[in-house]
Amino acid sequence: MSLTIVDLDKGEKAVIKTFTTKDIPLKLIEMGCFEGSMVELVQRAPMNDPLYLNINGTYLAIRSEIASQILIEKI
């Protein structure tokens, strides 16, 4: 079973393994969202969208649609 960022619970950490699409926004990559990066789910907004993440010390919010395309391995 492949886990994605959407599968994380608040406070859980994981390592980004790969992306299921090549259409990841360049802004995410510039902010450190690439293979091998550490990701932590900080908070979920109401209705679970967007997700507030800490990726290698950078805090950002991304939509669940994009988060579901980022495969992870939980730590």
N, C-alpha and C. Protein backbone atom coordinates (compact mmCIF):
# COMPACT_ATOMS: atom_id res chain seq x y z
N MET A 1 0.84 -1.18 0.00
CA MET A 1 0.00 0.00 0.00
C MET A 1 0.88 1.25 0.00
N SER A 2 0.61 2.16 -0.87
CA SER A 2 1.37 3.40 -0.97
C SER A 2 0.75 4.47 -0.09
N LEU A 3 1.56 5.06 0.77
CA LEU A 3 1.09 6.14 1.63
C LEU A 3 1.42 7.48 1.00
N THR A 4 0.55 8.45 1.23
CA THR A 4 0.79 9.81 0.76
C THR A 4 0.72 10.76 1.95
N ILE A 5 1.04 12.01 1.72
CA ILE A 5 0.99 13.00 2.79
C ILE A 5 -0.40 13.09 3.41
N VAL A 6 -1.43 12.86 2.62
CA VAL A 6 -2.81 12.91 3.12
C VAL A 6 -3.04 11.86 4.21
N ASP A 7 -2.27 10.77 4.19
CA ASP A 7 -2.44 9.68 5.16
C ASP A 7 -1.80 9.97 6.51
N LEU A 8 -1.05 11.05 6.63
CA LEU A 8 -0.41 11.38 7.91
C LEU A 8 -1.44 11.89 8.90
N ASP A 9 -1.20 11.59 10.18
CA ASP A 9 -1.98 12.17 11.27
C ASP A 9 -1.20 13.35 11.82
N LYS A 10 -1.90 14.23 12.51
CA LYS A 10 -1.27 15.42 13.08
C LYS A 10 -0.07 15.02 13.94
N GLY A 11 1.09 15.64 13.66
CA GLY A 11 2.31 15.38 14.41
C GLY A 11 3.17 14.27 13.84
N GLU A 12 2.66 13.48 12.90
CA GLU A 12 3.45 12.40 12.31
C GLU A 12 4.47 12.94 11.33
N LYS A 13 5.59 12.23 11.23
CA LYS A 13 6.67 12.61 10.32
C LYS A 13 6.90 11.50 9.31
N ALA A 14 7.41 11.89 8.16
CA ALA A 14 7.69 10.95 7.09
C ALA A 14 8.77 11.52 6.18
N VAL A 15 9.25 10.67 5.29
CA VAL A 15 10.22 11.07 4.27
C VAL A 15 9.53 10.97 2.92
N ILE A 16 9.70 11.99 2.10
CA ILE A 16 9.13 11.97 0.75
C ILE A 16 9.92 10.99 -0.10
N LYS A 17 9.21 10.04 -0.71
CA LYS A 17 9.85 9.03 -1.54
C LYS A 17 9.82 9.39 -3.02
N THR A 18 8.65 9.76 -3.52
CA THR A 18 8.51 10.09 -4.95
C THR A 18 7.18 10.79 -5.16
N PHE A 19 6.93 11.17 -6.40
CA PHE A 19 5.69 11.81 -6.79
C PHE A 19 4.98 10.94 -7.81
N THR A 20 3.65 10.90 -7.75
CA THR A 20 2.90 10.08 -8.69
C THR A 20 2.61 10.82 -9.99
N THR A 21 3.00 12.08 -10.07
CA THR A 21 2.79 12.88 -11.27
C THR A 21 4.00 13.78 -11.49
N LYS A 22 4.14 14.25 -12.68
CA LYS A 22 5.22 15.19 -12.99
C LYS A 22 4.73 16.63 -12.90
N ASP A 23 3.46 16.83 -12.51
CA ASP A 23 2.85 18.15 -12.46
C ASP A 23 2.88 18.77 -11.07
N ILE A 24 3.91 18.46 -10.27
CA ILE A 24 4.05 19.08 -8.96
C ILE A 24 4.44 20.54 -9.18
N PRO A 25 3.73 21.48 -8.55
CA PRO A 25 4.06 22.90 -8.77
C PRO A 25 5.52 23.22 -8.43
N LEU A 26 6.15 24.01 -9.28
CA LEU A 26 7.55 24.40 -9.09
C LEU A 26 7.74 25.09 -7.74
N LYS A 27 6.73 25.82 -7.29
CA LYS A 27 6.82 26.51 -6.00
C LYS A 27 7.09 25.54 -4.86
N LEU A 28 6.48 24.35 -4.89
CA LEU A 28 6.70 23.35 -3.84
C LEU A 28 8.14 22.85 -3.86
N ILE A 29 8.65 22.60 -5.03
CA ILE A 29 10.02 22.12 -5.16
C ILE A 29 11.00 23.20 -4.66
N GLU A 30 10.73 24.46 -5.00
CA GLU A 30 11.58 25.55 -4.54
C GLU A 30 11.56 25.70 -3.02
N MET A 31 10.46 25.27 -2.39
CA MET A 31 10.33 25.38 -0.94
C MET A 31 10.84 24.13 -0.23
N GLY A 32 11.43 23.19 -0.96
CA GLY A 32 12.07 22.04 -0.34
C GLY A 32 11.30 20.74 -0.43
N CYS A 33 10.24 20.72 -1.18
CA CYS A 33 9.43 19.50 -1.31
C CYS A 33 9.98 18.64 -2.45
N PHE A 34 10.97 17.82 -2.11
CA PHE A 34 11.56 16.92 -3.09
C PHE A 34 11.92 15.60 -2.43
N GLU A 35 12.26 14.61 -3.22
CA GLU A 35 12.57 13.28 -2.70
C GLU A 35 13.64 13.35 -1.63
N GLY A 36 13.40 12.64 -0.51
CA GLY A 36 14.35 12.60 0.59
C GLY A 36 14.09 13.65 1.66
N SER A 37 13.17 14.57 1.41
CA SER A 37 12.86 15.62 2.39
C SER A 37 12.00 15.07 3.53
N MET A 38 12.22 15.62 4.72
CA MET A 38 11.42 15.27 5.90
C MET A 38 10.16 16.13 5.89
N VAL A 39 9.01 15.49 6.12
CA VAL A 39 7.74 16.21 6.15
C VAL A 39 6.99 15.86 7.43
N GLU A 40 6.37 16.85 8.05
CA GLU A 40 5.56 16.65 9.25
C GLU A 40 4.22 17.35 9.04
N LEU A 41 3.13 16.65 9.36
CA LEU A 41 1.81 17.26 9.29
C LEU A 41 1.60 18.06 10.57
N VAL A 42 1.54 19.38 10.46
CA VAL A 42 1.38 20.26 11.60
C VAL A 42 -0.09 20.42 11.95
N GLN A 43 -0.93 20.63 10.94
CA GLN A 43 -2.35 20.90 11.20
C GLN A 43 -3.17 20.63 9.95
N ARG A 44 -4.41 20.22 10.16
CA ARG A 44 -5.38 20.09 9.07
C ARG A 44 -6.41 21.20 9.23
N ALA A 45 -6.74 21.85 8.14
CA ALA A 45 -7.78 22.87 8.17
C ALA A 45 -9.15 22.18 8.27
N PRO A 46 -10.18 22.92 8.62
CA PRO A 46 -11.53 22.33 8.61
C PRO A 46 -11.81 21.72 7.23
N MET A 47 -12.50 20.62 7.23
CA MET A 47 -12.80 19.86 6.01
C MET A 47 -11.55 19.21 5.41
N ASN A 48 -10.45 19.17 6.18
CA ASN A 48 -9.19 18.51 5.80
C ASN A 48 -8.49 19.11 4.59
N ASP A 49 -8.77 20.35 4.28
CA ASP A 49 -8.13 20.97 3.13
C ASP A 49 -8.02 22.47 3.36
N PRO A 50 -6.84 23.06 3.31
CA PRO A 50 -5.53 22.48 2.98
C PRO A 50 -4.86 21.85 4.19
N LEU A 51 -3.68 21.29 3.94
CA LEU A 51 -2.86 20.70 4.99
C LEU A 51 -1.70 21.65 5.27
N TYR A 52 -1.41 21.86 6.55
CA TYR A 52 -0.30 22.73 6.95
C TYR A 52 0.87 21.82 7.31
N LEU A 53 1.98 21.98 6.59
CA LEU A 53 3.12 21.08 6.70
C LEU A 53 4.40 21.80 7.10
N ASN A 54 5.30 21.02 7.70
CA ASN A 54 6.67 21.47 7.93
C ASN A 54 7.54 20.56 7.08
N ILE A 55 8.16 21.14 6.06
CA ILE A 55 9.04 20.38 5.18
C ILE A 55 10.44 20.93 5.33
N ASN A 56 11.30 20.17 6.02
CA ASN A 56 12.69 20.58 6.27
C ASN A 56 12.78 21.98 6.85
N GLY A 57 11.89 22.31 7.79
CA GLY A 57 11.95 23.60 8.46
C GLY A 57 11.18 24.71 7.77
N THR A 58 10.60 24.44 6.61
CA THR A 58 9.78 25.41 5.90
C THR A 58 8.32 25.06 6.11
N TYR A 59 7.54 26.01 6.59
CA TYR A 59 6.12 25.78 6.83
C TYR A 59 5.32 26.23 5.62
N LEU A 60 4.42 25.36 5.15
CA LEU A 60 3.59 25.71 4.02
C LEU A 60 2.28 24.95 4.06
N ALA A 61 1.31 25.48 3.36
CA ALA A 61 0.00 24.83 3.25
C ALA A 61 -0.18 24.38 1.81
N ILE A 62 -0.63 23.13 1.65
CA ILE A 62 -0.90 22.63 0.30
C ILE A 62 -2.27 21.97 0.28
N ARG A 63 -2.86 21.95 -0.87
CA ARG A 63 -4.17 21.35 -1.05
C ARG A 63 -4.05 19.83 -0.97
N SER A 64 -5.10 19.20 -0.50
CA SER A 64 -5.12 17.74 -0.38
C SER A 64 -4.93 17.06 -1.72
N GLU A 65 -5.43 17.67 -2.77
CA GLU A 65 -5.30 17.10 -4.12
C GLU A 65 -3.83 16.93 -4.50
N ILE A 66 -3.01 17.91 -4.17
CA ILE A 66 -1.57 17.83 -4.48
C ILE A 66 -0.88 16.90 -3.48
N ALA A 67 -1.25 16.98 -2.20
CA ALA A 67 -0.64 16.14 -1.17
C ALA A 67 -0.86 14.66 -1.45
N SER A 68 -1.97 14.32 -2.10
CA SER A 68 -2.26 12.91 -2.40
C SER A 68 -1.39 12.38 -3.53
N GLN A 69 -0.61 13.23 -4.17
CA GLN A 69 0.28 12.81 -5.24
C GLN A 69 1.74 12.69 -4.79
N ILE A 70 1.96 12.88 -3.47
CA ILE A 70 3.33 12.81 -2.94
C ILE A 70 3.44 11.56 -2.05
N LEU A 71 4.16 10.57 -2.53
CA LEU A 71 4.32 9.31 -1.81
C LEU A 71 5.37 9.46 -0.70
N ILE A 72 5.08 8.85 0.45
CA ILE A 72 5.95 8.98 1.63
C ILE A 72 6.24 7.64 2.27
N GLU A 73 7.18 7.66 3.17
CA GLU A 73 7.45 6.53 4.07
C GLU A 73 7.47 7.08 5.49
N LYS A 74 6.55 6.60 6.33
CA LYS A 74 6.47 7.09 7.70
C LYS A 74 7.72 6.73 8.50
N ILE A 75 8.05 7.58 9.45
CA ILE A 75 9.20 7.34 10.32
C ILE A 75 8.69 6.78 11.63
